Amino acid sequence: DDAANDITRIHLPTQAASGAAVFVGELLGRVAVTSNQAEISFTGIPAGYDWIEAQILGKSAAGEHAIQVTCNADGVDGHYKNVFLMTGTAEGHSTTYDRTIGWVEEAYPSPYTLRITGYDQTGAARTITATGMERKDPGLWAEWHFISWENTADAVTHLSFAVGGGNFTAGTVISLVGYRNRWLRGLSSVAVVTDAPTGGADGDLAVDAVTSKLWVKVGGAWKSVALT
């Protein structure tokens, strides 16, 4: 079982052995759309994570529109090799050169998760994987997209998402999370505090007896998760 917070994306095993290593997610950015928006961008993505992940809940205006991803403002479709699989109400597959990671429409929000492992590496094409679902009246499409960004010179520091031929509409939310391996101490060694903890080392844990928060030190900073 995991203790999790859907906003901060911090995940900790509730029965970790002493010295357990787990992946911890750090929220790098979040955009909630309230009016028509042509593009959602995340710039200045720091290096050092094992992977970055975009969590997408997308809506668009009337009609079906493709969600397109762009790395480092490289909008040339020919630089992205895309293998697409689909099953459900309709089935199919294709190999093409484009930046499509899913589809959105007006009636129902479409959830997708996009991951780039080795995003900060150079010398090899970066692989983008995206999975999700488009709900279309009267059925569902489950989708898998595998994209190779063929630029081998640059690390990914800028991700943007756009709707081909349309806009993201109110109700769209996109979050960018960076995950990396952290060495955590066992929960038997959790400190009890009555205020925000100070000092300590990455991986230290503390429970606030006043506010019922679980604190973990990650990347030199203390972060908290409300316990319920």
C-alpha atoms as a PDB file:
ATOM      1  CA  ASP A   1       0.000   0.000   0.000  1.00  0.00           C
ATOM      2  CA  ASP A   2       1.175   3.520  -0.764  1.00  0.00           C
ATOM      3  CA  ALA A   3       0.581   6.833   0.947  1.00  0.00           C
ATOM      4  CA  ALA A   4       0.029   9.274  -1.904  1.00  0.00           C
ATOM      5  CA  ASN A   5      -0.871  12.881  -2.574  1.00  0.00           C
ATOM      6  CA  ASP A   6      -2.331  13.574  -6.026  1.00  0.00           C
ATOM      7  CA  ILE A   7      -1.202  17.196  -6.033  1.00  0.00           C
ATOM      8  CA  THR A   8       2.432  16.975  -4.949  1.00  0.00           C
ATOM      9  CA  ARG A   9       2.874  13.471  -6.394  1.00  0.00           C
ATOM     10  CA  ILE A  10       4.949  12.385  -3.410  1.00  0.00           C
ATOM     11  CA  HIS A  11       4.630   8.630  -2.908  1.00  0.00           C
ATOM     12  CA  LEU A  12       6.012   6.723   0.081  1.00  0.00           C
ATOM     13  CA  PRO A  13       5.669   3.035   0.980  1.00  0.00           C
ATOM     14  CA  THR A  14       3.748   2.753   4.249  1.00  0.00           C
ATOM     15  CA  GLN A  15       5.793  -0.260   5.361  1.00  0.00           C
ATOM     16  CA  ALA A  16       9.228   0.575   3.989  1.00  0.00           C
ATOM     17  CA  ALA A  17      12.109  -1.408   5.380  1.00  0.00           C
ATOM     18  CA  SER A  18      14.957   0.533   6.928  1.00  0.00           C
ATOM     19  CA  GLY A  19      16.899   2.200   4.129  1.00  0.00           C
ATOM     20  CA  ALA A  20      14.257   1.634   1.448  1.00  0.00           C
ATOM     21  CA  ALA A  21      14.819   3.223  -1.975  1.00  0.00           C
ATOM     22  CA  VAL A  22      11.724   4.588  -3.717  1.00  0.00           C
ATOM     23  CA  PHE A  23      10.929   6.943  -6.579  1.00  0.00           C
ATOM     24  CA  VAL A  24       9.681  10.323  -5.397  1.00  0.00           C
ATOM     25  CA  GLY A  25       7.750  12.653  -7.695  1.00  0.00           C
ATOM     26  CA  GLU A  26       8.266  16.411  -7.562  1.00  0.00           C
ATOM     27  CA  LEU A  27       5.706  18.716  -9.171  1.00  0.00           C
ATOM     28  CA  LEU A  28       7.524  20.881 -11.746  1.00  0.00           C
ATOM     29  CA  GLY A  29       4.481  22.755 -13.036  1.00  0.00           C
ATOM     30  CA  ARG A  30       0.702  22.640 -13.343  1.00  0.00           C
ATOM     31  CA  VAL A  31      -1.652  24.495 -15.676  1.00  0.00           C
ATOM     32  CA  ALA A  32      -5.433  24.511 -15.212  1.00  0.00           C
ATOM     33  CA  VAL A  33      -7.213  26.051 -18.205  1.00  0.00           C
ATOM     34  CA  THR A  34     -10.130  28.415 -17.505  1.00  0.00           C
ATOM     35  CA  SER A  35     -10.599  29.840 -21.023  1.00  0.00           C
ATOM     36  CA  ASN A  36      -9.498  28.881 -24.533  1.00  0.00           C
ATOM     37  CA  GLN A  37      -5.738  28.318 -24.669  1.00  0.00           C
ATOM     38  CA  ALA A  38      -3.846  27.355 -27.830  1.00  0.00           C
ATOM     39  CA  GLU A  39      -0.722  25.982 -26.123  1.00  0.00           C
ATOM     40  CA  ILE A  40       0.481  24.875 -22.690  1.00  0.00           C
ATOM     41  CA  SER A  41       4.242  25.060 -22.119  1.00  0.00           C
ATOM     42  CA  PHE A  42       6.738  24.049 -19.445  1.00  0.00           C
ATOM     43  CA  THR A  43      10.139  25.704 -19.795  1.00  0.00           C
ATOM     44  CA  GLY A  44      13.391  25.451 -17.885  1.00  0.00           C
ATOM     45  CA  ILE A  45      12.913  21.744 -17.090  1.00  0.00           C
ATOM     46  CA  PRO A  46      15.826  20.839 -14.782  1.00  0.00           C
ATOM     47  CA  ALA A  47      18.095  17.861 -15.385  1.00  0.00           C
ATOM     48  CA  GLY A  48      18.677  15.099 -12.867  1.00  0.00           C
ATOM     49  CA  TYR A  49      15.394  13.193 -12.776  1.00  0.00           C
ATOM     50  CA  ASP A  50      15.136   9.564 -13.873  1.00  0.00           C
ATOM     51  CA  TRP A  51      12.137  10.519 -15.971  1.00  0.00           C
ATOM     52  CA  ILE A  52       9.624  13.297 -16.421  1.00  0.00           C
ATOM     53  CA  GLU A  53       5.903  12.662 -16.713  1.00  0.00           C
ATOM     54  CA  ALA A  54       3.068  14.829 -18.000  1.00  0.00           C
ATOM     55  CA  GLN A  55      -0.382  14.023 -16.609  1.00  0.00           C
ATOM     56  CA  ILE A  56      -3.028  15.334 -18.983  1.00  0.00           C
ATOM     57  CA  LEU A  57      -6.767  15.745 -18.669  1.00  0.00           C
ATOM     58  CA  GLY A  58      -7.698  17.397 -21.945  1.00  0.00           C
ATOM     59  CA  LYS A  59     -10.796  19.005 -23.471  1.00  0.00           C
ATOM     60  CA  SER A  60     -11.277  20.937 -26.703  1.00  0.00           C
ATOM     61  CA  ALA A  61     -14.004  22.730 -28.633  1.00  0.00           C
ATOM     62  CA  ALA A  62     -16.535  20.916 -30.815  1.00  0.00           C
ATOM     63  CA  GLY A  63     -15.093  18.098 -32.875  1.00  0.00           C
ATOM     64  CA  GLU A  64     -12.140  15.794 -32.434  1.00  0.00           C
ATOM     65  CA  HIS A  65      -8.644  17.285 -32.262  1.00  0.00           C
ATOM     66  CA  ALA A  66      -5.169  15.798 -31.867  1.00  0.00           C
ATOM     67  CA  ILE A  67      -2.994  16.635 -28.841  1.00  0.00           C
ATOM     68  CA  GLN A  68       0.500  17.383 -30.148  1.00  0.00           C
ATOM     69  CA  VAL A  69       3.704  17.425 -28.099  1.00  0.00           C
ATOM     70  CA  THR A  70       6.729  19.552 -28.983  1.00  0.00           C
ATOM     71  CA  CYS A  71      10.248  19.204 -27.545  1.00  0.00           C
ATOM     72  CA  ASN A  72      12.390  22.337 -27.306  1.00  0.00           C
ATOM     73  CA  ALA A  73      10.167  24.248 -29.769  1.00  0.00           C
ATOM     74  CA  ASP A  74      11.019  21.737 -32.534  1.00  0.00           C
ATOM     75  CA  GLY A  75       7.712  21.711 -34.400  1.00  0.00           C
ATOM     76  CA  VAL A  76       8.905  19.747 -37.454  1.00  0.00           C
ATOM     77  CA  ASP A  77       6.759  16.589 -37.690  1.00  0.00           C
ATOM     78  CA  GLY A  78       9.502  14.787 -39.612  1.00  0.00           C
ATOM     79  CA  HIS A  79      11.731  14.880 -36.507  1.00  0.00           C
ATOM     80  CA  TYR A  80       9.272  12.658 -34.586  1.00  0.00           C
ATOM     81  CA  LYS A  81       8.712   9.017 -35.546  1.00  0.00           C
ATOM     82  CA  ASN A  82       5.385   7.849 -34.116  1.00  0.00           C
ATOM     83  CA  VAL A  83       4.026   4.312 -33.665  1.00  0.00           C
ATOM     84  CA  PHE A  84       0.372   4.318 -32.621  1.00  0.00           C
ATOM     85  CA  LEU A  85      -1.810   1.450 -31.374  1.00  0.00           C
ATOM     86  CA  MET A  86      -5.509   1.656 -30.617  1.00  0.00           C
ATOM     87  CA  THR A  87      -8.134  -0.766 -29.371  1.00  0.00           C
ATOM     88  CA  GLY A  88     -11.689  -0.653 -28.061  1.00  0.00           C
ATOM     89  CA  THR A  89     -14.650   0.537 -30.112  1.00  0.00           C
ATOM     90  CA  ALA A  90     -12.284   0.692 -33.074  1.00  0.00           C
ATOM     91  CA  GLU A  91      -8.938  -1.015 -33.566  1.00  0.00           C
ATOM     92  CA  GLY A  92      -5.934  -0.099 -35.614  1.00  0.00           C
ATOM     93  CA  HIS A  93      -2.285   0.832 -35.745  1.00  0.00           C
ATOM     94  CA  SER A  94      -0.033   3.066 -37.778  1.00  0.00           C
ATOM     95  CA  THR A  95       3.536   4.292 -38.119  1.00  0.00           C
ATOM     96  CA  THR A  96       3.973   7.881 -39.162  1.00  0.00           C
ATOM     97  CA  TYR A  97       5.985  11.047 -38.613  1.00  0.00           C
ATOM     98  CA  ASP A  98       4.067  13.396 -36.379  1.00  0.00           C
ATOM     99  CA  ARG A  99       3.742  14.591 -32.760  1.00  0.00           C
ATOM    100  CA  THR A 100       0.292  13.225 -31.849  1.00  0.00           C
ATOM    101  CA  ILE A 101      -0.035  11.692 -28.366  1.00  0.00           C
ATOM    102  CA  GLY A 102      -3.838  11.452 -28.191  1.00  0.00           C
ATOM    103  CA  TRP A 103      -7.130  13.115 -29.055  1.00  0.00           C
ATOM    104  CA  VAL A 104      -9.561  15.382 -27.245  1.00  0.00           C
ATOM    105  CA  GLU A 105     -13.087  16.554 -27.886  1.00  0.00           C
ATOM    106  CA  GLU A 106     -15.759  18.676 -26.261  1.00  0.00           C
ATOM    107  CA  ALA A 107     -18.157  16.229 -24.640  1.00  0.00           C
ATOM    108  CA  TYR A 108     -15.778  14.251 -22.414  1.00  0.00           C
ATOM    109  CA  PRO A 109     -12.328  14.974 -20.900  1.00  0.00           C
ATOM    110  CA  SER A 110      -9.582  12.676 -22.209  1.00  0.00           C
ATOM    111  CA  PRO A 111      -6.917  11.403 -19.742  1.00  0.00           C
ATOM    112  CA  TYR A 112      -3.362  10.709 -20.972  1.00  0.00           C
ATOM    113  CA  THR A 113      -0.006  10.102 -19.278  1.00  0.00           C
ATOM    114  CA  LEU A 114       3.194  10.940 -21.143  1.00  0.00           C
ATOM    115  CA  ARG A 115       6.658   9.839 -19.992  1.00  0.00           C
ATOM    116  CA  ILE A 116      10.159  10.657 -21.236  1.00  0.00           C
ATOM    117  CA  THR A 117      12.950   8.546 -19.741  1.00  0.00           C
ATOM    118  CA  GLY A 118      16.480   9.917 -20.234  1.00  0.00           C
ATOM    119  CA  TYR A 119      15.069  13.294 -21.232  1.00  0.00           C
ATOM    120  CA  ASP A 120      18.261  15.067 -20.097  1.00  0.00           C
ATOM    121  CA  GLN A 121      20.616  12.833 -22.097  1.00  0.00           C
ATOM    122  CA  THR A 122      22.270  13.635 -25.425  1.00  0.00           C
ATOM    123  CA  GLY A 123      23.729  11.444 -28.149  1.00  0.00           C
ATOM    124  CA  ALA A 124      20.595   9.328 -28.655  1.00  0.00           C
ATOM    125  CA  ALA A 125      17.003   9.892 -29.699  1.00  0.00           C
ATOM    126  CA  ARG A 126      14.619  10.444 -26.798  1.00  0.00           C
ATOM    127  CA  THR A 127      11.679   8.046 -26.518  1.00  0.00           C
ATOM    128  CA  ILE A 128       8.292   9.452 -25.583  1.00  0.00           C
ATOM    129  CA  THR A 129       5.579   7.041 -24.448  1.00  0.00           C
ATOM    130  CA  ALA A 130       1.980   8.115 -23.994  1.00  0.00           C
ATOM    131  CA  THR A 131      -1.032   6.076 -22.944  1.00  0.00           C
ATOM    132  CA  GLY A 132      -4.591   7.139 -22.456  1.00  0.00           C
ATOM    133  CA  MET A 133      -8.193   7.009 -23.501  1.00  0.00           C
ATOM    134  CA  GLU A 134     -10.531   9.032 -25.634  1.00  0.00           C
ATOM    135  CA  ARG A 135     -14.215   8.717 -24.852  1.00  0.00           C
ATOM    136  CA  LYS A 136     -16.365   9.180 -27.918  1.00  0.00           C
ATOM    137  CA  ASP A 137     -20.106   8.826 -27.946  1.00  0.00           C
ATOM    138  CA  PRO A 138     -20.992   5.964 -28.026  1.00  0.00           C
ATOM    139  CA  GLY A 139     -17.690   4.222 -27.227  1.00  0.00           C
ATOM    140  CA  LEU A 140     -14.130   4.286 -25.864  1.00  0.00           C
ATOM    141  CA  TRP A 141     -10.722   4.169 -27.521  1.00  0.00           C
ATOM    142  CA  ALA A 142      -7.674   3.004 -25.542  1.00  0.00           C
ATOM    143  CA  GLU A 143      -4.420   4.252 -27.060  1.00  0.00           C
ATOM    144  CA  TRP A 144      -0.669   3.725 -26.910  1.00  0.00           C
ATOM    145  CA  HIS A 145       1.736   6.136 -28.602  1.00  0.00           C
ATOM    146  CA  PHE A 146       5.503   5.595 -28.925  1.00  0.00           C
ATOM    147  CA  ILE A 147       7.416   8.561 -30.323  1.00  0.00           C
ATOM    148  CA  SER A 148      11.127   8.869 -31.028  1.00  0.00           C
ATOM    149  CA  TRP A 149      12.349  12.473 -31.104  1.00  0.00           C
ATOM    150  CA  GLU A 150      15.205  12.160 -33.566  1.00  0.00           C
ATOM    151  CA  ASN A 151      17.195  15.156 -32.303  1.00  0.00           C
ATOM    152  CA  THR A 152      20.260  13.608 -30.648  1.00  0.00           C
ATOM    153  CA  ALA A 153      22.083  16.813 -29.733  1.00  0.00           C
ATOM    154  CA  ASP A 154      19.871  18.434 -27.120  1.00  0.00           C
ATOM    155  CA  ALA A 155      18.468  17.474 -23.741  1.00  0.00           C
ATOM    156  CA  VAL A 156      14.748  18.187 -23.334  1.00  0.00           C
ATOM    157  CA  THR A 157      14.370  21.443 -21.405  1.00  0.00           C
ATOM    158  CA  HIS A 158      11.072  22.663 -22.875  1.00  0.00           C
ATOM    159  CA  LEU A 159       7.828  20.733 -23.432  1.00  0.00           C
ATOM    160  CA  SER A 160       4.711  22.172 -24.980  1.00  0.00           C
ATOM    161  CA  PHE A 161       1.286  20.763 -25.781  1.00  0.00           C
ATOM    162  CA  ALA A 162      -1.171  22.069 -28.364  1.00  0.00           C
ATOM    163  CA  VAL A 163      -4.461  21.051 -29.929  1.00  0.00           C
ATOM    164  CA  GLY A 164      -4.209  20.659 -33.695  1.00  0.00           C
ATOM    165  CA  GLY A 165      -6.745  22.960 -35.320  1.00  0.00           C
ATOM    166  CA  GLY A 166      -8.234  24.105 -32.035  1.00  0.00           C
ATOM    167  CA  ASN A 167      -7.716  25.115 -28.410  1.00  0.00           C
ATOM    168  CA  PHE A 168      -7.615  23.532 -25.006  1.00  0.00           C
ATOM    169  CA  THR A 169     -10.822  24.568 -23.265  1.00  0.00           C
ATOM    170  CA  ALA A 170     -11.884  25.068 -19.643  1.00  0.00           C
ATOM    171  CA  GLY A 171     -11.475  21.882 -17.623  1.00  0.00           C
ATOM    172  CA  THR A 172      -8.112  20.962 -19.148  1.00  0.00           C
ATOM    173  CA  VAL A 173      -5.373  20.324 -16.566  1.00  0.00           C
ATOM    174  CA  ILE A 174      -1.772  19.381 -17.370  1.00  0.00           C
ATOM    175  CA  SER A 175       0.818  18.681 -14.664  1.00  0.00           C
ATOM    176  CA  LEU A 176       4.525  17.994 -15.188  1.00  0.00           C
ATOM    177  CA  VAL A 177       6.245  15.801 -12.589  1.00  0.00           C
ATOM    178  CA  GLY A 178       9.898  14.777 -12.269  1.00  0.00           C
ATOM    179  CA  TYR A 179      10.654  11.385 -10.683  1.00  0.00           C
ATOM    180  CA  ARG A 180      13.927  10.267  -9.169  1.00  0.00           C
ATOM    181  CA  ASN A 181      15.178   7.549  -6.874  1.00  0.00           C
ATOM    182  CA  ARG A 182      15.455   8.581  -3.242  1.00  0.00           C
ATOM    183  CA  TRP A 183      16.951   6.641  -0.332  1.00  0.00           C
ATOM    184  CA  LEU A 184      14.504   6.826   2.554  1.00  0.00           C
ATOM    185  CA  ARG A 185      14.854   5.698   6.122  1.00  0.00           C
ATOM    186  CA  GLY A 186      12.413   3.173   7.515  1.00  0.00           C
ATOM    187  CA  LEU A 187       9.227   4.504   9.042  1.00  0.00           C
ATOM    188  CA  SER A 188      10.277   3.149  12.438  1.00  0.00           C
ATOM    189  CA  SER A 189      12.760   6.043  12.629  1.00  0.00           C
ATOM    190  CA  VAL A 190      10.263   8.847  11.885  1.00  0.00           C
ATOM    191  CA  ALA A 191      10.792  11.891  14.100  1.00  0.00           C
ATOM    192  CA  VAL A 192       7.835  13.541  15.863  1.00  0.00           C
ATOM    193  CA  VAL A 193       7.788  17.342  15.601  1.00  0.00           C
ATOM    194  CA  THR A 194       5.398  20.169  16.502  1.00  0.00           C
ATOM    195  CA  ASP A 195       6.456  22.565  13.735  1.00  0.00           C
ATOM    196  CA  ALA A 196       8.014  22.425  10.258  1.00  0.00           C
ATOM    197  CA  PRO A 197      11.278  20.443  10.588  1.00  0.00           C
ATOM    198  CA  THR A 198      14.666  22.002   9.872  1.00  0.00           C
ATOM    199  CA  GLY A 199      18.092  20.603   9.135  1.00  0.00           C
ATOM    200  CA  GLY A 200      18.444  16.916   8.409  1.00  0.00           C
ATOM    201  CA  ALA A 201      19.417  15.102   5.216  1.00  0.00           C
ATOM    202  CA  ASP A 202      17.569  14.012   2.093  1.00  0.00           C
ATOM    203  CA  GLY A 203      15.380  11.022   2.932  1.00  0.00           C
ATOM    204  CA  ASP A 204      14.692  12.073   6.537  1.00  0.00           C
ATOM    205  CA  LEU A 205      11.078  11.718   7.658  1.00  0.00           C
ATOM    206  CA  ALA A 206       9.073  13.523  10.331  1.00  0.00           C
ATOM    207  CA  VAL A 207       5.455  13.597  11.524  1.00  0.00           C
ATOM    208  CA  ASP A 208       3.936  16.843  12.794  1.00  0.00           C
ATOM    209  CA  ALA A 209       1.885  15.981  15.883  1.00  0.00           C
ATOM    210  CA  VAL A 210      -0.039  19.274  15.658  1.00  0.00           C
ATOM    211  CA  THR A 211      -1.042  19.438  11.959  1.00  0.00           C
ATOM    212  CA  SER A 212      -0.926  15.664  11.192  1.00  0.00           C
ATOM    213  CA  LYS A 213       1.443  16.167   8.258  1.00  0.00           C
ATOM    214  CA  LEU A 214       4.104  13.752   7.063  1.00  0.00           C
ATOM    215  CA  TRP A 215       7.324  15.544   6.148  1.00  0.00           C
ATOM    216  CA  VAL A 216      10.089  14.223   3.868  1.00  0.00           C
ATOM    217  CA  LYS A 217      13.284  16.013   2.924  1.00  0.00           C
ATOM    218  CA  VAL A 218      13.785  15.859  -0.856  1.00  0.00           C
ATOM    219  CA  GLY A 219      16.339  17.784  -2.900  1.00  0.00           C
ATOM    220  CA  GLY A 220      17.464  19.760   0.144  1.00  0.00           C
ATOM    221  CA  ALA A 221      13.958  20.950   1.023  1.00  0.00           C
ATOM    222  CA  TRP A 222      11.289  19.659   3.388  1.00  0.00           C
ATOM    223  CA  LYS A 223       7.975  18.770   1.675  1.00  0.00           C
ATOM    224  CA  SER A 224       4.753  17.822   3.437  1.00  0.00           C
ATOM    225  CA  VAL A 225       1.814  15.528   2.750  1.00  0.00           C
ATOM    226  CA  ALA A 226      -1.405  15.750   4.787  1.00  0.00           C
ATOM    227  CA  LEU A 227      -2.253  12.501   6.538  1.00  0.00           C
ATOM    228  CA  THR A 228      -5.924  11.498   6.419  1.00  0.00           C
END
